[in-house]
Amino acid sequence: MTKIVVDAMGSDHFPAPDVIGAVRAARNYGVGIILVGDEAQIKPILEKQKTDGLEIEIVHAPEMLTMEDKGMKLVLKARRPNSQNTMAVGIDLIKNGRADAFVTAGNTGAAAVTAYFRLGNIPGVDRPGLAPIFPTASGSCVVIDIGANPDCKPENLLQFGILGSIYAEKVRGVKNPKVGLISNGEEAGKGNELVKGAFPLLEAAGLNFYGNVEGKEVIGGVVDVAVTDGFTGNVLLKSSEAVAKLLVDKIKQAIQRGGPLAMLGGLLIKPAMGSVKKLMDPSDQGAAPLLGVNGLVFIGHGRSDEIAIMNAVRVAKEAVEAQVLYAMRNAIERSLKQE
C-alpha cells in the first residue's frame, strides 16, 4: 500500500483541514496515512472521523516551522539531525523508507530548504524547482519554477525542462510533452541573458523543445511544460491568480447591478461559472511537486482546506505509482552522459 506523510500542522487553520483531508484521502484513494504533528491536537480531531478499516497513524512532532523561520535560523532547524519540527520528522520518514511521499501546506521556503538538507538533490540536479499545474486553453501546463529559485543559471533551466517533461509524461499522462522557455518574445534570440543562455541547452537536450513562449502561449496551451526562473514564475502565478479572481468578481458585480434580467441571466450561467471557478481553484490539484529533490515532496497553499489536502494526497499517490522519481533520476543521468 502506498503510504503518504501529511504535515498535520501545515495549513493556516491546522490541524483540522489537514487531518480531515488526509482521512478522506485514505478512504477515497486507498492509501496509508501518517499524520505528523502535535499528537494532543491531532488525536481529538482524528477520533471524530470514521476511520474503521483505514491505515492511519500519528507520529508526534512537537515543533513547527513558520514564516518567522528564515536565514540561518531556518537552516539550523532544517538540517539538525534531531530536529523535531513536522517537516523534518515527516521528510525523514520518506528518507528512511517508512513512507513514499510527503505532503505539506506549510511555509513553502521552509519545506524546500528542509527537503534539500534532509533528502539532498537527485544527482546532477543543482536546484529543485516547484512545479504547479496551470489551467490552459487546451488542458494544463506544468510550470517550473514558480518561486524556489529567484536567481538561476542556464543549466538550472535545462534541469527544470528535463524534470518538468518527465513529470508531465509520467504523472499527467502527456506523450512527448512540448517544452517551452518563457521569454518576452517567441523568436530565438529574444530574452534576457538567462533565457539566451538556456535556449541552446534545451534545444540540444533531446526534449520536445518548442522554443520561446510568451505568457499568452502558456495560457493558450501551446506547450505542456513551461520553464522559467522562480522570480518570473512567481510573478506569472500570482498575476494569473489575481486576474482570474478579478474577472470572476467583476462578472458577479455586473450581474448584481444589472437588475432583474441580469440576475436571471446570472442564474442561468451559474453552472458554467462554477465550472470556470473550479478550473481556477488551486485546491483541485492540492499541491505542487518540488521536483529535483531526491524524494517526493508536495507543497500546497497555506489556505488549503480538507478538499485541497485530500487532492494533494491523491497527486502524491499518482506520482508514487508512476515511479516518477526513478524516471527523473534516469533522465538526469542520461543528460549528464550527453555533456
Protein backbone atom coordinates (compact mmCIF):
# COMPACT_ATOMS: atom_id res chain seq x y z
CA MET A 1 0.00 0.00 0.00
CA THR A 2 1.23 3.48 -0.89
CA LYS A 3 1.89 5.46 2.28
CA ILE A 4 1.76 9.26 2.39
CA VAL A 5 3.01 11.50 5.20
CA VAL A 6 0.80 14.54 5.84
CA ASP A 7 2.05 17.54 7.83
CA ALA A 8 -0.92 17.90 10.16
CA MET A 9 0.24 21.37 11.27
CA GLY A 10 0.81 22.79 7.80
CA SER A 11 -2.30 24.74 6.77
CA ASP A 12 -3.33 28.15 8.08
CA HIS A 13 -6.16 26.56 10.08
CA PHE A 14 -4.28 23.45 11.21
CA PRO A 15 -4.83 20.73 12.21
CA ALA A 16 -8.49 20.22 11.24
CA PRO A 17 -8.25 20.62 7.43
CA ASP A 18 -5.03 18.61 7.31
CA VAL A 19 -6.39 15.73 9.40
CA ILE A 20 -9.86 15.60 7.82
CA GLY A 21 -8.44 15.86 4.30
CA ALA A 22 -5.96 13.08 4.99
CA VAL A 23 -8.70 10.80 6.33
CA ARG A 24 -10.83 11.48 3.25
CA ALA A 25 -7.87 10.63 1.04
CA ALA A 26 -7.27 7.36 2.89
CA ARG A 27 -10.93 6.46 2.42
CA ASN A 28 -11.22 7.53 -1.23
CA TYR A 29 -7.82 6.55 -2.63
CA GLY A 30 -6.82 3.53 -0.55
CA VAL A 31 -3.58 4.97 0.79
CA GLY A 32 -1.96 4.66 4.18
CA ILE A 33 -1.56 7.94 6.05
CA ILE A 34 1.00 9.09 8.62
CA LEU A 35 -0.08 12.30 10.34
CA VAL A 36 2.90 14.24 11.69
CA GLY A 37 2.41 16.91 14.33
CA ASP A 38 1.31 17.60 17.88
CA GLU A 39 -0.48 14.42 18.91
CA ALA A 40 -2.50 16.26 21.58
CA GLN A 41 -4.07 18.44 18.87
CA ILE A 42 -4.37 15.77 16.17
CA LYS A 43 -5.92 12.96 18.19
CA PRO A 44 -9.23 14.66 19.20
CA ILE A 45 -9.96 15.55 15.57
CA LEU A 46 -8.96 12.13 14.28
CA GLU A 47 -11.20 10.40 16.84
CA LYS A 48 -14.23 12.23 15.44
CA GLN A 49 -13.63 10.80 11.95
CA LYS A 50 -14.78 7.44 10.62
CA THR A 51 -11.50 5.59 10.34
CA ASP A 52 -12.61 1.95 10.53
CA GLY A 53 -10.54 -0.13 8.13
CA LEU A 54 -8.22 2.78 7.29
CA GLU A 55 -4.47 2.68 7.82
CA ILE A 56 -3.76 5.92 9.70
CA GLU A 57 -1.15 6.58 12.35
CA ILE A 58 0.19 9.60 14.23
CA VAL A 59 3.88 10.42 14.60
CA HIS A 60 4.38 13.04 17.26
CA ALA A 61 6.36 16.15 16.26
CA PRO A 62 6.06 18.93 18.87
CA GLU A 63 7.56 21.77 16.81
CA MET A 64 6.61 23.68 13.65
CA LEU A 65 8.40 25.73 11.02
CA THR A 66 6.64 29.04 10.35
CA MET A 67 7.07 32.21 8.30
CA GLU A 68 9.24 33.53 11.14
CA ASP A 69 11.90 30.89 10.44
CA LYS A 70 14.32 32.47 7.99
CA GLY A 71 18.00 32.56 7.14
CA MET A 72 20.40 30.69 9.39
CA LYS A 73 17.64 30.02 11.93
CA LEU A 74 15.74 28.07 9.27
CA VAL A 75 18.85 26.28 8.02
CA LEU A 76 19.69 25.03 11.51
CA LYS A 77 16.17 23.76 12.11
CA ALA A 78 16.05 22.17 8.67
CA ARG A 79 19.34 20.28 8.83
CA ARG A 80 19.81 19.43 12.53
CA PRO A 81 19.73 15.59 12.85
CA ASN A 82 17.46 15.63 15.91
CA SER A 83 15.04 18.31 14.67
CA GLN A 84 11.52 17.75 15.97
CA ASN A 85 9.56 20.03 13.65
CA THR A 86 6.86 18.46 11.49
CA MET A 87 8.69 18.96 8.20
CA ALA A 88 11.96 17.43 9.38
CA VAL A 89 10.23 14.48 11.04
CA GLY A 90 7.91 13.92 8.07
CA ILE A 91 10.64 14.11 5.43
CA ASP A 92 12.82 11.77 7.46
CA LEU A 93 10.00 9.20 7.27
CA ILE A 94 10.30 9.06 3.48
CA LYS A 95 14.10 9.21 3.63
CA ASN A 96 14.09 6.18 5.94
CA GLY A 97 11.67 4.23 3.76
CA ARG A 98 8.68 4.30 6.11
CA ALA A 99 6.61 6.27 3.61
CA ASP A 100 6.57 7.11 -0.10
CA ALA A 101 5.81 10.85 -0.23
CA PHE A 102 5.43 13.92 1.98
CA VAL A 103 2.62 16.49 1.73
CA THR A 104 2.54 19.86 3.50
CA ALA A 105 0.54 23.07 3.27
CA GLY A 106 3.14 24.86 5.35
CA ASN A 107 5.74 27.51 4.57
CA THR A 108 7.00 26.85 1.01
CA GLY A 109 10.53 28.08 1.67
CA ALA A 110 10.83 26.06 4.86
CA ALA A 111 9.61 22.90 3.10
CA ALA A 112 12.04 23.40 0.20
CA VAL A 113 15.02 24.04 2.50
CA THR A 114 14.17 21.10 4.76
CA ALA A 115 13.77 18.75 1.79
CA TYR A 116 17.09 19.92 0.35
CA PHE A 117 19.05 19.35 3.55
CA ARG A 118 17.41 16.08 4.57
CA LEU A 119 16.97 14.39 1.18
CA GLY A 120 19.55 16.08 -0.98
CA ASN A 121 19.03 16.56 -4.70
CA ILE A 122 18.85 13.97 -7.45
CA PRO A 123 22.47 13.51 -8.62
CA GLY A 124 23.08 16.02 -11.38
CA VAL A 125 20.40 18.49 -10.22
CA ASP A 126 21.77 21.71 -8.78
CA ARG A 127 18.49 23.17 -7.54
CA PRO A 128 14.97 21.78 -7.14
CA GLY A 129 12.05 23.60 -8.73
CA LEU A 130 8.44 24.00 -7.62
CA ALA A 131 6.11 22.91 -10.43
CA PRO A 132 2.38 23.69 -10.15
CA ILE A 133 -0.16 22.82 -12.82
CA PHE A 134 -1.60 25.82 -14.69
CA PRO A 135 -5.01 25.53 -16.38
CA THR A 136 -4.76 26.37 -20.07
CA ALA A 137 -6.99 26.64 -23.12
CA SER A 138 -6.14 23.07 -24.12
CA GLY A 139 -5.87 21.44 -20.71
CA SER A 140 -2.95 22.10 -18.40
CA CYS A 141 0.71 23.05 -18.29
CA VAL A 142 3.48 22.24 -15.80
CA VAL A 143 5.26 25.49 -14.93
CA ILE A 144 8.68 25.18 -13.30
CA ASP A 145 9.96 27.07 -11.28
CA ILE A 146 7.44 29.34 -9.51
CA GLY A 147 9.40 30.52 -6.50
CA ALA A 148 12.04 28.17 -5.13
CA ASN A 149 14.88 29.82 -7.11
CA PRO A 150 14.59 33.58 -7.80
CA ASP A 151 18.08 33.59 -9.34
CA CYS A 152 19.04 30.88 -11.81
CA LYS A 153 21.72 29.87 -14.28
CA PRO A 154 21.01 28.46 -17.75
CA GLU A 155 21.94 24.97 -16.51
CA ASN A 156 19.19 25.21 -13.88
CA LEU A 157 16.59 25.89 -16.56
CA LEU A 158 17.84 22.90 -18.56
CA GLN A 159 17.34 20.69 -15.49
CA PHE A 160 13.88 22.18 -14.92
CA GLY A 161 12.97 21.31 -18.50
CA ILE A 162 14.02 17.68 -18.05
CA LEU A 163 12.27 17.30 -14.68
CA GLY A 164 9.09 19.03 -15.86
CA SER A 165 8.96 16.92 -19.02
CA ILE A 166 9.22 13.67 -17.04
CA TYR A 167 6.54 14.79 -14.59
CA ALA A 168 4.17 15.80 -17.41
CA GLU A 169 4.68 12.46 -19.12
CA LYS A 170 4.60 10.10 -16.13
CA VAL A 171 2.05 11.80 -13.87
CA ARG A 172 0.00 13.96 -16.22
CA GLY A 173 -0.09 11.33 -18.97
CA VAL A 174 1.19 13.63 -21.74
CA LYS A 175 3.02 11.78 -24.51
CA ASN A 176 6.19 13.52 -25.70
CA PRO A 177 5.36 16.79 -23.88
CA LYS A 178 6.22 20.08 -25.58
CA VAL A 179 8.64 22.17 -23.54
CA GLY A 180 8.68 25.95 -23.85
CA LEU A 181 11.06 28.56 -22.45
CA ILE A 182 9.26 31.62 -21.08
CA SER A 183 10.57 34.80 -22.68
CA ASN A 184 9.45 38.24 -23.78
CA GLY A 185 9.22 37.14 -27.40
CA GLU A 186 8.73 33.95 -29.39
CA GLU A 187 11.74 34.33 -31.67
CA ALA A 188 15.04 32.59 -30.86
CA GLY A 189 17.45 35.21 -29.56
CA LYS A 190 14.79 37.06 -27.57
CA GLY A 191 15.00 37.37 -23.80
CA ASN A 192 17.50 38.29 -21.14
CA GLU A 193 20.92 36.69 -20.73
CA LEU A 194 19.46 33.80 -18.73
CA VAL A 195 16.95 32.92 -21.45
CA LYS A 196 19.52 33.32 -24.23
CA GLY A 197 21.89 31.02 -22.37
CA ALA A 198 19.23 28.39 -21.64
CA PHE A 199 17.80 28.22 -25.17
CA PRO A 200 20.63 26.25 -26.84
CA LEU A 201 20.90 23.92 -23.83
CA LEU A 202 17.22 23.00 -24.02
CA GLU A 203 17.39 22.76 -27.81
CA ALA A 204 20.22 20.20 -27.62
CA ALA A 205 18.83 18.17 -24.70
CA GLY A 206 16.70 15.71 -26.69
CA LEU A 207 13.47 17.18 -25.35
CA ASN A 208 10.47 18.05 -27.50
CA PHE A 209 11.59 21.68 -27.31
CA TYR A 210 9.10 24.13 -28.79
CA GLY A 211 11.25 27.23 -28.28
CA ASN A 212 10.49 30.54 -26.61
CA VAL A 213 6.94 31.21 -25.41
CA GLU A 214 5.28 34.31 -24.04
CA GLY A 215 2.75 34.23 -21.23
CA LYS A 216 -0.12 34.16 -23.71
CA GLU A 217 1.21 30.95 -25.28
CA VAL A 218 1.45 29.31 -21.86
CA ILE A 219 -2.17 30.17 -21.02
CA GLY A 220 -3.17 29.36 -24.60
CA GLY A 221 -1.99 25.77 -24.16
CA VAL A 222 0.75 25.82 -26.79
CA VAL A 223 3.18 23.89 -24.55
CA ASP A 224 2.84 21.20 -21.88
CA VAL A 225 5.82 22.37 -19.80
CA ALA A 226 6.90 25.99 -19.33
CA VAL A 227 10.40 26.60 -17.99
CA THR A 228 11.44 29.76 -16.16
CA ASP A 229 13.30 31.09 -13.14
CA GLY A 230 11.50 31.29 -9.81
CA PHE A 231 11.18 35.07 -9.86
CA THR A 232 9.44 35.20 -13.24
CA GLY A 233 7.37 32.11 -12.47
CA ASN A 234 6.14 33.51 -9.19
CA VAL A 235 5.09 36.77 -10.85
CA LEU A 236 3.28 34.77 -13.57
CA LEU A 237 1.49 32.61 -10.99
CA LYS A 238 0.34 35.45 -8.73
CA SER A 239 -0.63 37.70 -11.65
CA SER A 240 -2.68 34.91 -13.23
CA GLU A 241 -4.47 34.18 -9.96
CA ALA A 242 -5.20 37.87 -9.43
CA VAL A 243 -6.55 38.40 -12.96
CA ALA A 244 -8.74 35.29 -12.72
CA LYS A 245 -10.20 36.46 -9.40
CA LEU A 246 -10.75 39.97 -10.77
CA LEU A 247 -12.70 38.69 -13.77
CA VAL A 248 -14.95 36.46 -11.66
CA ASP A 249 -15.58 39.27 -9.16
CA LYS A 250 -16.37 41.78 -11.93
CA ILE A 251 -18.83 39.40 -13.59
CA LYS A 252 -20.59 38.88 -10.25
CA GLN A 253 -20.76 42.65 -9.66
CA ALA A 254 -22.15 43.29 -13.14
CA ILE A 255 -24.87 40.67 -12.60
CA GLN A 256 -25.82 42.06 -9.19
CA ARG A 257 -26.07 45.64 -10.54
CA GLY A 258 -27.82 44.73 -13.78
CA GLY A 259 -31.35 44.42 -12.48
CA PRO A 260 -33.82 41.51 -12.68
CA LEU A 261 -32.89 40.36 -16.19
CA ALA A 262 -29.18 40.27 -15.31
CA MET A 263 -29.97 38.35 -12.14
CA LEU A 264 -31.99 35.84 -14.18
CA GLY A 265 -29.10 35.53 -16.62
CA GLY A 266 -26.77 35.03 -13.67
CA LEU A 267 -28.83 32.07 -12.52
CA LEU A 268 -28.70 30.57 -16.00
CA ILE A 269 -24.91 30.81 -16.23
CA LYS A 270 -24.29 29.73 -12.64
CA PRO A 271 -23.32 26.14 -13.59
CA ALA A 272 -20.89 27.43 -16.22
CA MET A 273 -19.39 29.92 -13.77
CA GLY A 274 -18.97 27.09 -11.29
CA SER A 275 -17.00 25.10 -13.84
CA VAL A 276 -14.75 28.08 -14.57
CA LYS A 277 -14.23 28.73 -10.87
CA LYS A 278 -13.28 25.08 -10.32
CA LEU A 279 -10.79 25.31 -13.18
CA MET A 280 -9.04 28.20 -11.42
CA ASP A 281 -9.23 26.68 -7.94
CA PRO A 282 -5.78 25.54 -6.73
CA SER A 283 -7.43 23.05 -4.37
CA ASP A 284 -8.25 20.85 -7.39
CA GLN A 285 -4.57 19.90 -7.65
CA GLY A 286 -3.96 20.32 -3.93
CA ALA A 287 -0.19 20.72 -4.04
CA ALA A 288 2.73 21.29 -6.37
CA PRO A 289 5.67 18.86 -6.55
CA LEU A 290 9.14 20.03 -5.58
CA LEU A 291 10.98 18.45 -8.49
CA GLY A 292 14.67 17.68 -8.21
CA VAL A 293 14.98 16.67 -4.56
CA ASN A 294 15.78 13.01 -4.01
CA GLY A 295 12.31 12.15 -2.73
CA LEU A 296 8.68 13.02 -3.39
CA VAL A 297 7.67 16.26 -1.69
CA PHE A 298 4.45 18.18 -2.40
CA ILE A 299 3.73 21.70 -1.18
CA GLY A 300 0.24 23.20 -1.04
CA HIS A 301 -1.27 26.62 -0.28
CA GLY A 302 -1.40 27.71 3.33
CA ARG A 303 -5.11 28.34 2.88
CA SER A 304 -5.72 24.71 1.91
CA ASP A 305 -8.98 23.20 3.12
CA GLU A 306 -9.73 19.48 3.54
CA ILE A 307 -10.53 19.14 -0.18
CA ALA A 308 -7.14 20.57 -1.12
CA ILE A 309 -5.35 18.26 1.32
CA MET A 310 -7.27 15.25 0.01
CA ASN A 311 -6.32 16.15 -3.57
CA ALA A 312 -2.70 16.77 -2.57
CA VAL A 313 -2.54 13.21 -1.24
CA ARG A 314 -4.12 11.95 -4.47
CA VAL A 315 -1.49 13.74 -6.58
CA ALA A 316 1.28 12.37 -4.37
CA LYS A 317 -0.13 8.84 -4.77
CA GLU A 318 -0.21 9.25 -8.56
CA ALA A 319 3.45 10.30 -8.57
CA VAL A 320 4.45 7.33 -6.41
CA GLU A 321 2.60 4.84 -8.60
CA ALA A 322 4.02 6.38 -11.79
CA GLN A 323 7.55 5.90 -10.38
CA VAL A 324 8.29 9.46 -11.38
CA LEU A 325 11.30 9.80 -9.06
CA TYR A 326 13.00 6.80 -10.68
CA ALA A 327 12.26 8.24 -14.15
CA MET A 328 13.69 11.65 -13.23
CA ARG A 329 16.88 10.11 -11.87
CA ASN A 330 17.37 8.18 -15.12
CA ALA A 331 16.63 11.21 -17.29
CA ILE A 332 19.12 13.41 -15.45
CA GLU A 333 21.74 10.65 -15.61
CA ARG A 334 21.28 10.38 -19.38
CA SER A 335 21.59 14.15 -19.70
CA LEU A 336 24.91 14.11 -17.85
CA LYS A 337 26.27 11.42 -20.18
CA GLN A 338 25.45 13.60 -23.20
CA GLU A 339 27.54 16.51 -21.94
